[in-house]
Every structure is written in C-alpha cells, then in structure tokens.
C-alpha cells in the first residue's frame, strides 16, 4: 500500500514538472497602407423617412426598489407619453410547483398613464388609461361610446281567456263502483 502511495506522489510530481516548450510563430505580418485614398462617406440620408425631423426632447425613467416605476418622453412633434406602475397585492388564483390551483394572495401591477399626439390632419388626441383589478379602462374624447338605452321596451299585451271546461266522464263497472 505504501508503495502505491509513493508511486502516486511521484507520478503527480513528474506531471507537475513537465512543461512542453511553446514557441511563438516567427513570422510577423506586415500591412502596407493602401495606395488609393479611402472614400469619404457621408452619413447616410434616408429620403423616404417622413419623420426625420422628429427628435426626442425629454425622457425620464425611474425604477424604485419597491417595484414601482414611472417613465415618460416627449418629442419635438408634441407627442408625449407617460406611464407609472405600482406593485400591489391582490386576492387571486395561484399555482404551486405541481400546477395545483388555489386561491390566495398574488402580486400584480397596477398601471396608469396618458398619451398625447397630433394626427397628420391636425386633430389633437389625448388618451388616458388605468389598468388594475377592474381591468383596462381607456378614456379619450376620440374613443367610441356605446349608445345609451333611452327607450322602454314594449310590453306584450295581456289577454284574459276563460278556458272551456270539458265534461268529465267517470266510467263505472256494472256494480256502481268507480274504476281507476
């Protein structure tokens, strides 16, 4: 057994002291400057971009340690957008690691925000929204509104009828008893 341990130690020592000689490549590439002048490219121009003059004039993005955040931007064409979100605890459906469904406390986001823009025709649009436990609720003057029910539904006419009474025949057997 001692002989095995000594042989193992010697083989490890021999492996640690072995270093193969590495020789770096002996050639050194030489690059000559091109004999022709490099072309002077200007910045590419996109003539088909109809929004080339629109730039972002302000921008903010704030992320908080509690999970809430808010961000916004404004552009040179007066388009703006801002949004904020807060993490909130709700009562809802949760799933465990096996996929079993249960009802309990869940964490979700509530968002609210607004946007403003001007159409190419010059019409101004403002859209505000909230998204929370009640769902997504957009508001804006340009959004369609369902018609209001302003009329009363007609009531079906009531007719009173007297049902005719049919004579009842009770069969008797020959002895005067009723047979049912």
C-alpha atoms as a PDB file:
ATOM      1  CA  UNK A   1       0.000   0.000   0.000  1.00  0.00           C
ATOM      2  CA  UNK A   2       2.861   2.369   0.872  1.00  0.00           C
ATOM      3  CA  UNK A   3       4.436   1.584  -2.458  1.00  0.00           C
ATOM      4  CA  UNK A   4       1.203   2.615  -4.237  1.00  0.00           C
ATOM      5  CA  UNK A   5       1.074   5.971  -2.394  1.00  0.00           C
ATOM      6  CA  UNK A   6       4.740   6.669  -3.181  1.00  0.00           C
ATOM      7  CA  UNK A   7       4.186   5.835  -6.855  1.00  0.00           C
ATOM      8  CA  UNK A   8       1.135   8.146  -6.989  1.00  0.00           C
ATOM      9  CA  UNK A   9       3.062  11.033  -5.387  1.00  0.00           C
ATOM     10  CA  UNK A  10       5.983  10.575  -7.799  1.00  0.00           C
ATOM     11  CA  UNK A  11       3.696  10.493 -10.835  1.00  0.00           C
ATOM     12  CA  UNK A  12       1.970  13.718  -9.720  1.00  0.00           C
ATOM     13  CA  UNK A  13       5.349  15.373  -9.151  1.00  0.00           C
ATOM     14  CA  UNK A  14       6.584  14.266 -12.557  1.00  0.00           C
ATOM     15  CA  UNK A  15       3.444  15.575 -14.250  1.00  0.00           C
ATOM     16  CA  UNK A  16       3.726  18.940 -12.479  1.00  0.00           C
ATOM     17  CA  UNK A  17       7.332  19.461 -13.516  1.00  0.00           C
ATOM     18  CA  UNK A  18       6.716  18.633 -17.199  1.00  0.00           C
ATOM     19  CA  UNK A  19       6.371  21.752 -19.319  1.00  0.00           C
ATOM     20  CA  UNK A  20       6.357  21.492 -23.047  1.00  0.00           C
ATOM     21  CA  UNK A  21       8.271  24.237 -24.810  1.00  0.00           C
ATOM     22  CA  UNK A  22       5.978  26.653 -26.645  1.00  0.00           C
ATOM     23  CA  UNK A  23       7.418  28.624 -29.484  1.00  0.00           C
ATOM     24  CA  UNK A  24       5.577  31.665 -30.752  1.00  0.00           C
ATOM     25  CA  UNK A  25       5.193  31.979 -34.530  1.00  0.00           C
ATOM     26  CA  UNK A  26       8.264  33.507 -36.053  1.00  0.00           C
ATOM     27  CA  UNK A  27       6.550  35.438 -38.846  1.00  0.00           C
ATOM     28  CA  UNK A  28       5.314  38.962 -38.400  1.00  0.00           C
ATOM     29  CA  UNK A  29       2.727  40.111 -40.915  1.00  0.00           C
ATOM     30  CA  UNK A  30       3.347  43.495 -42.464  1.00  0.00           C
ATOM     31  CA  UNK A  31       0.475  45.588 -43.732  1.00  0.00           C
ATOM     32  CA  UNK A  32       1.066  48.400 -46.127  1.00  0.00           C
ATOM     33  CA  UNK A  33      -1.192  51.405 -46.359  1.00  0.00           C
ATOM     34  CA  UNK A  34      -3.461  51.284 -49.415  1.00  0.00           C
ATOM     35  CA  UNK A  35      -2.147  53.106 -52.437  1.00  0.00           C
ATOM     36  CA  UNK A  36      -5.554  54.637 -53.180  1.00  0.00           C
ATOM     37  CA  UNK A  37      -7.313  57.189 -50.970  1.00  0.00           C
ATOM     38  CA  UNK A  38     -10.068  55.891 -48.700  1.00  0.00           C
ATOM     39  CA  UNK A  39     -13.511  57.014 -49.835  1.00  0.00           C
ATOM     40  CA  UNK A  40     -15.056  59.800 -47.764  1.00  0.00           C
ATOM     41  CA  UNK A  41     -18.547  58.578 -46.929  1.00  0.00           C
ATOM     42  CA  UNK A  42     -21.037  60.996 -45.524  1.00  0.00           C
ATOM     43  CA  UNK A  43     -23.769  59.948 -43.136  1.00  0.00           C
ATOM     44  CA  UNK A  44     -26.470  58.009 -44.973  1.00  0.00           C
ATOM     45  CA  UNK A  45     -29.547  60.038 -45.767  1.00  0.00           C
ATOM     46  CA  UNK A  46     -32.939  58.397 -45.774  1.00  0.00           C
ATOM     47  CA  UNK A  47     -35.087  60.356 -48.149  1.00  0.00           C
ATOM     48  CA  UNK A  48     -38.081  58.096 -47.629  1.00  0.00           C
ATOM     49  CA  UNK A  49     -38.158  58.782 -43.869  1.00  0.00           C
ATOM     50  CA  UNK A  50     -41.016  61.242 -43.404  1.00  0.00           C
ATOM     51  CA  UNK A  51     -40.252  61.585 -39.671  1.00  0.00           C
ATOM     52  CA  UNK A  52     -36.588  62.577 -39.961  1.00  0.00           C
ATOM     53  CA  UNK A  53     -37.142  65.921 -38.242  1.00  0.00           C
ATOM     54  CA  UNK A  54     -38.776  64.437 -35.120  1.00  0.00           C
ATOM     55  CA  UNK A  55     -36.460  64.138 -32.146  1.00  0.00           C
ATOM     56  CA  UNK A  56     -36.921  63.169 -28.517  1.00  0.00           C
ATOM     57  CA  UNK A  57     -36.875  66.387 -26.491  1.00  0.00           C
ATOM     58  CA  UNK A  58     -37.148  64.897 -22.999  1.00  0.00           C
ATOM     59  CA  UNK A  59     -37.117  61.481 -21.456  1.00  0.00           C
ATOM     60  CA  UNK A  60     -37.194  60.072 -17.921  1.00  0.00           C
ATOM     61  CA  UNK A  61     -37.166  56.590 -16.453  1.00  0.00           C
ATOM     62  CA  UNK A  62     -37.311  55.932 -12.718  1.00  0.00           C
ATOM     63  CA  UNK A  63     -37.203  52.445 -11.201  1.00  0.00           C
ATOM     64  CA  UNK A  64     -37.728  52.104  -7.446  1.00  0.00           C
ATOM     65  CA  UNK A  65     -36.666  49.356  -5.096  1.00  0.00           C
ATOM     66  CA  UNK A  66     -40.272  48.655  -4.067  1.00  0.00           C
ATOM     67  CA  UNK A  67     -41.101  47.592  -7.642  1.00  0.00           C
ATOM     68  CA  UNK A  68     -42.814  50.795  -8.685  1.00  0.00           C
ATOM     69  CA  UNK A  69     -41.664  52.763 -11.684  1.00  0.00           C
ATOM     70  CA  UNK A  70     -42.544  55.677 -13.887  1.00  0.00           C
ATOM     71  CA  UNK A  71     -41.285  56.804 -17.259  1.00  0.00           C
ATOM     72  CA  UNK A  72     -42.123  59.416 -19.834  1.00  0.00           C
ATOM     73  CA  UNK A  73     -40.943  61.004 -23.035  1.00  0.00           C
ATOM     74  CA  UNK A  74     -41.776  63.986 -25.195  1.00  0.00           C
ATOM     75  CA  UNK A  75     -40.929  64.564 -28.844  1.00  0.00           C
ATOM     76  CA  UNK A  76     -40.419  67.608 -31.000  1.00  0.00           C
ATOM     77  CA  UNK A  77     -43.780  66.975 -32.720  1.00  0.00           C
ATOM     78  CA  UNK A  78     -45.517  67.451 -29.290  1.00  0.00           C
ATOM     79  CA  UNK A  79     -46.190  63.727 -28.895  1.00  0.00           C
ATOM     80  CA  UNK A  80     -45.951  62.748 -25.233  1.00  0.00           C
ATOM     81  CA  UNK A  81     -46.366  59.562 -23.260  1.00  0.00           C
ATOM     82  CA  UNK A  82     -46.104  58.864 -19.575  1.00  0.00           C
ATOM     83  CA  UNK A  83     -46.818  55.772 -17.558  1.00  0.00           C
ATOM     84  CA  UNK A  84     -46.446  54.669 -13.964  1.00  0.00           C
ATOM     85  CA  UNK A  85     -46.910  51.309 -12.307  1.00  0.00           C
ATOM     86  CA  UNK A  86     -47.089  50.109  -8.739  1.00  0.00           C
ATOM     87  CA  UNK A  87     -46.867  46.566  -7.459  1.00  0.00           C
ATOM     88  CA  UNK A  88     -49.884  45.597  -5.411  1.00  0.00           C
ATOM     89  CA  UNK A  89     -51.088  42.514  -3.562  1.00  0.00           C
ATOM     90  CA  UNK A  90     -54.364  41.052  -4.827  1.00  0.00           C
ATOM     91  CA  UNK A  91     -56.528  38.086  -3.970  1.00  0.00           C
ATOM     92  CA  UNK A  92     -56.385  35.740  -6.914  1.00  0.00           C
ATOM     93  CA  UNK A  93     -55.578  32.316  -8.285  1.00  0.00           C
ATOM     94  CA  UNK A  94     -52.107  30.960  -7.542  1.00  0.00           C
ATOM     95  CA  UNK A  95     -50.417  27.774  -8.730  1.00  0.00           C
ATOM     96  CA  UNK A  96     -47.920  25.698  -6.794  1.00  0.00           C
ATOM     97  CA  UNK A  97     -44.942  23.917  -8.363  1.00  0.00           C
ATOM     98  CA  UNK A  98     -47.134  20.896  -9.186  1.00  0.00           C
ATOM     99  CA  UNK A  99     -49.722  23.013 -11.016  1.00  0.00           C
ATOM    100  CA  UNK A 100     -52.327  22.775  -8.273  1.00  0.00           C
ATOM    101  CA  UNK A 101     -54.624  25.777  -8.330  1.00  0.00           C
ATOM    102  CA  UNK A 102     -55.507  27.608  -5.132  1.00  0.00           C
ATOM    103  CA  UNK A 103     -56.936  30.971  -4.184  1.00  0.00           C
ATOM    104  CA  UNK A 104     -54.653  33.295  -2.279  1.00  0.00           C
ATOM    105  CA  UNK A 105     -52.568  36.431  -2.269  1.00  0.00           C
ATOM    106  CA  UNK A 106     -50.772  37.285  -5.516  1.00  0.00           C
ATOM    107  CA  UNK A 107     -48.599  40.228  -6.512  1.00  0.00           C
ATOM    108  CA  UNK A 108     -49.508  42.173  -9.632  1.00  0.00           C
ATOM    109  CA  UNK A 109     -49.101  45.590 -11.191  1.00  0.00           C
ATOM    110  CA  UNK A 110     -51.486  48.494 -11.452  1.00  0.00           C
ATOM    111  CA  UNK A 111     -50.678  50.820 -14.315  1.00  0.00           C
ATOM    112  CA  UNK A 112     -51.899  54.242 -15.308  1.00  0.00           C
ATOM    113  CA  UNK A 113     -50.747  56.579 -17.981  1.00  0.00           C
ATOM    114  CA  UNK A 114     -51.541  59.019 -20.727  1.00  0.00           C
ATOM    115  CA  UNK A 115     -50.580  59.787 -24.306  1.00  0.00           C
ATOM    116  CA  UNK A 116     -50.973  62.894 -26.416  1.00  0.00           C
ATOM    117  CA  UNK A 117     -50.409  63.216 -30.161  1.00  0.00           C
ATOM    118  CA  UNK A 118     -51.492  65.237 -33.177  1.00  0.00           C
ATOM    119  CA  UNK A 119     -52.710  63.448 -36.296  1.00  0.00           C
ATOM    120  CA  UNK A 120     -51.387  64.379 -39.753  1.00  0.00           C
ATOM    121  CA  UNK A 121     -54.729  66.170 -40.288  1.00  0.00           C
ATOM    122  CA  UNK A 122     -54.065  68.370 -37.230  1.00  0.00           C
ATOM    123  CA  UNK A 123     -56.534  66.686 -34.879  1.00  0.00           C
ATOM    124  CA  UNK A 124     -55.342  66.520 -31.259  1.00  0.00           C
ATOM    125  CA  UNK A 125     -55.780  63.266 -29.341  1.00  0.00           C
ATOM    126  CA  UNK A 126     -55.435  62.619 -25.626  1.00  0.00           C
ATOM    127  CA  UNK A 127     -55.735  59.120 -24.214  1.00  0.00           C
ATOM    128  CA  UNK A 128     -55.600  58.254 -20.526  1.00  0.00           C
ATOM    129  CA  UNK A 129     -55.886  54.782 -19.101  1.00  0.00           C
ATOM    130  CA  UNK A 130     -55.758  52.740 -15.936  1.00  0.00           C
ATOM    131  CA  UNK A 131     -55.159  49.022 -15.667  1.00  0.00           C
ATOM    132  CA  UNK A 132     -55.866  47.440 -12.307  1.00  0.00           C
ATOM    133  CA  UNK A 133     -58.089  44.821 -10.700  1.00  0.00           C
ATOM    134  CA  UNK A 134     -61.063  46.323 -12.568  1.00  0.00           C
ATOM    135  CA  UNK A 135     -59.370  45.679 -15.946  1.00  0.00           C
ATOM    136  CA  UNK A 136     -58.156  48.053 -18.646  1.00  0.00           C
ATOM    137  CA  UNK A 137     -60.094  51.346 -18.681  1.00  0.00           C
ATOM    138  CA  UNK A 138     -59.151  53.722 -21.509  1.00  0.00           C
ATOM    139  CA  UNK A 139     -60.620  57.230 -21.681  1.00  0.00           C
ATOM    140  CA  UNK A 140     -60.485  59.689 -24.539  1.00  0.00           C
ATOM    141  CA  UNK A 141     -62.767  62.010 -26.477  1.00  0.00           C
ATOM    142  CA  UNK A 142     -61.950  60.157 -29.710  1.00  0.00           C
ATOM    143  CA  UNK A 143     -62.959  56.690 -28.422  1.00  0.00           C
ATOM    144  CA  UNK A 144     -66.349  55.331 -29.478  1.00  0.00           C
ATOM    145  CA  UNK A 145     -69.021  55.164 -26.811  1.00  0.00           C
ATOM    146  CA  UNK A 146     -71.759  52.574 -26.667  1.00  0.00           C
ATOM    147  CA  UNK A 147     -75.239  54.014 -27.239  1.00  0.00           C
ATOM    148  CA  UNK A 148     -77.292  54.753 -24.160  1.00  0.00           C
ATOM    149  CA  UNK A 149     -80.535  52.825 -23.768  1.00  0.00           C
ATOM    150  CA  UNK A 150     -83.144  55.606 -23.817  1.00  0.00           C
ATOM    151  CA  UNK A 151     -86.358  53.836 -24.659  1.00  0.00           C
ATOM    152  CA  UNK A 152     -88.648  51.451 -22.898  1.00  0.00           C
ATOM    153  CA  UNK A 153     -89.140  48.009 -24.292  1.00  0.00           C
ATOM    154  CA  UNK A 154     -92.706  47.258 -25.404  1.00  0.00           C
ATOM    155  CA  UNK A 155     -94.721  45.050 -23.134  1.00  0.00           C
ATOM    156  CA  UNK A 156     -96.559  42.114 -24.624  1.00  0.00           C
ATOM    157  CA  UNK A 157    -100.347  42.547 -24.458  1.00  0.00           C
ATOM    158  CA  UNK A 158    -102.142  40.617 -21.774  1.00  0.00           C
ATOM    159  CA  UNK A 159    -105.335  38.778 -22.802  1.00  0.00           C
ATOM    160  CA  UNK A 160    -107.539  37.103 -20.284  1.00  0.00           C
ATOM    161  CA  UNK A 161    -109.069  33.909 -21.508  1.00  0.00           C
ATOM    162  CA  UNK A 162    -111.516  31.576 -19.871  1.00  0.00           C
ATOM    163  CA  UNK A 163    -110.655  28.037 -20.626  1.00  0.00           C
ATOM    164  CA  UNK A 164    -113.630  25.874 -21.548  1.00  0.00           C
ATOM    165  CA  UNK A 165    -114.463  23.190 -19.068  1.00  0.00           C
ATOM    166  CA  UNK A 166    -114.840  19.774 -20.654  1.00  0.00           C
ATOM    167  CA  UNK A 167    -117.360  17.333 -19.190  1.00  0.00           C
ATOM    168  CA  UNK A 168    -115.720  14.613 -17.153  1.00  0.00           C
ATOM    169  CA  UNK A 169    -116.830  11.047 -17.783  1.00  0.00           C
ATOM    170  CA  UNK A 170    -116.206   8.668 -14.960  1.00  0.00           C
ATOM    171  CA  UNK A 171    -116.522   5.069 -16.063  1.00  0.00           C
ATOM    172  CA  UNK A 172    -118.394   2.658 -13.814  1.00  0.00           C
ATOM    173  CA  UNK A 173    -118.313  -1.033 -13.816  1.00  0.00           C
ATOM    174  CA  UNK A 174    -121.593  -2.806 -13.773  1.00  0.00           C
ATOM    175  CA  UNK A 175    -121.949  -2.665  -9.956  1.00  0.00           C
ATOM    176  CA  UNK A 176    -121.763   1.118  -9.490  1.00  0.00           C
ATOM    177  CA  UNK A 177    -118.093   1.374  -8.454  1.00  0.00           C
ATOM    178  CA  UNK A 178    -115.602   3.761  -9.997  1.00  0.00           C
ATOM    179  CA  UNK A 179    -112.786   2.154 -11.862  1.00  0.00           C
ATOM    180  CA  UNK A 180    -109.463   3.927 -11.700  1.00  0.00           C
END
